Amino acid sequence: MTQKKETCEVCGKTTTTGLTKCKGCARMYCTKCQSPSTSQDFCRECVAMEGVVSKED
């Protein structure tokens, strides 16, 4: 059985662990691109931009 490989839209690396959709930019990102400063589904690039706040939850 082969695992499906997906490419992170933030860093461009291939992963088999699955991707998460960012609430800010809607890009799919890997666990390494998850922002460490929030437990919400935002990529590190969106959190780095000042004023990013989720409108949905």
C-alpha atoms as a PDB file:
ATOM      1  CA  MET A   1       0.000   0.000   0.000  1.00  0.00           C
ATOM      2  CA  THR A   2       1.451   3.343  -1.024  1.00  0.00           C
ATOM      3  CA  GLN A   3       0.834   6.528   0.905  1.00  0.00           C
ATOM      4  CA  LYS A   4      -0.507   9.577  -0.899  1.00  0.00           C
ATOM      5  CA  LYS A   5       2.069  12.343  -1.152  1.00  0.00           C
ATOM      6  CA  GLU A   6       0.858  15.925  -0.971  1.00  0.00           C
ATOM      7  CA  THR A   7       2.785  19.162  -1.448  1.00  0.00           C
ATOM      8  CA  CYS A   8       2.620  21.959   1.112  1.00  0.00           C
ATOM      9  CA  GLU A   9       1.548  25.219  -0.550  1.00  0.00           C
ATOM     10  CA  VAL A  10       3.565  27.290   1.943  1.00  0.00           C
ATOM     11  CA  CYS A  11       7.007  25.636   1.969  1.00  0.00           C
ATOM     12  CA  GLY A  12       6.690  23.444  -1.138  1.00  0.00           C
ATOM     13  CA  LYS A  13       7.847  20.244   0.571  1.00  0.00           C
ATOM     14  CA  THR A  14       6.163  16.897  -0.037  1.00  0.00           C
ATOM     15  CA  THR A  15       4.547  15.124   2.916  1.00  0.00           C
ATOM     16  CA  THR A  16       2.528  11.989   3.641  1.00  0.00           C
ATOM     17  CA  THR A  17       1.214  13.210   7.013  1.00  0.00           C
ATOM     18  CA  GLY A  18      -1.643  15.244   5.575  1.00  0.00           C
ATOM     19  CA  LEU A  19      -2.235  18.942   5.101  1.00  0.00           C
ATOM     20  CA  THR A  20      -4.422  21.517   6.856  1.00  0.00           C
ATOM     21  CA  LYS A  21      -6.302  24.360   5.158  1.00  0.00           C
ATOM     22  CA  CYS A  22      -5.354  27.807   6.460  1.00  0.00           C
ATOM     23  CA  LYS A  23      -8.287  29.970   7.610  1.00  0.00           C
ATOM     24  CA  GLY A  24      -6.476  33.105   6.458  1.00  0.00           C
ATOM     25  CA  CYS A  25      -5.251  32.370   2.933  1.00  0.00           C
ATOM     26  CA  ALA A  26      -6.965  29.004   2.178  1.00  0.00           C
ATOM     27  CA  ARG A  27      -3.648  27.383   1.217  1.00  0.00           C
ATOM     28  CA  MET A  28      -2.940  23.822   2.306  1.00  0.00           C
ATOM     29  CA  TYR A  29       0.022  23.624   4.710  1.00  0.00           C
ATOM     30  CA  CYS A  30       2.041  20.900   6.477  1.00  0.00           C
ATOM     31  CA  THR A  31       2.596  20.505  10.222  1.00  0.00           C
ATOM     32  CA  LYS A  32       5.945  22.339   9.999  1.00  0.00           C
ATOM     33  CA  CYS A  33       4.178  25.402   8.571  1.00  0.00           C
ATOM     34  CA  GLN A  34       1.563  25.502  11.358  1.00  0.00           C
ATOM     35  CA  SER A  35       2.001  28.686  13.352  1.00  0.00           C
ATOM     36  CA  PRO A  36       3.448  27.873  16.789  1.00  0.00           C
ATOM     37  CA  SER A  37       1.837  30.990  18.283  1.00  0.00           C
ATOM     38  CA  THR A  38      -1.771  29.875  17.752  1.00  0.00           C
ATOM     39  CA  SER A  39      -3.736  26.671  18.158  1.00  0.00           C
ATOM     40  CA  GLN A  40      -6.047  27.682  15.307  1.00  0.00           C
ATOM     41  CA  ASP A  41      -5.676  26.626  11.669  1.00  0.00           C
ATOM     42  CA  PHE A  42      -3.435  29.426  10.414  1.00  0.00           C
ATOM     43  CA  CYS A  43      -0.185  28.998   8.503  1.00  0.00           C
ATOM     44  CA  ARG A  44       2.944  30.725   9.789  1.00  0.00           C
ATOM     45  CA  GLU A  45       2.864  33.292   6.966  1.00  0.00           C
ATOM     46  CA  CYS A  46      -0.655  34.507   7.818  1.00  0.00           C
ATOM     47  CA  VAL A  47       0.156  34.805  11.505  1.00  0.00           C
ATOM     48  CA  ALA A  48       3.311  36.753  10.623  1.00  0.00           C
ATOM     49  CA  MET A  49       1.101  39.371   8.934  1.00  0.00           C
ATOM     50  CA  GLU A  50      -0.236  41.801  11.493  1.00  0.00           C
ATOM     51  CA  GLY A  51      -3.980  41.790  12.119  1.00  0.00           C
ATOM     52  CA  VAL A  52      -4.893  38.311  10.885  1.00  0.00           C
ATOM     53  CA  VAL A  53      -8.024  37.243  12.773  1.00  0.00           C
ATOM     54  CA  SER A  54     -10.359  34.361  12.006  1.00  0.00           C
ATOM     55  CA  LYS A  55     -13.903  35.441  11.214  1.00  0.00           C
ATOM     56  CA  GLU A  56     -15.251  31.891  11.548  1.00  0.00           C
ATOM     57  CA  ASP A  57     -15.153  29.283  14.306  1.00  0.00           C
END
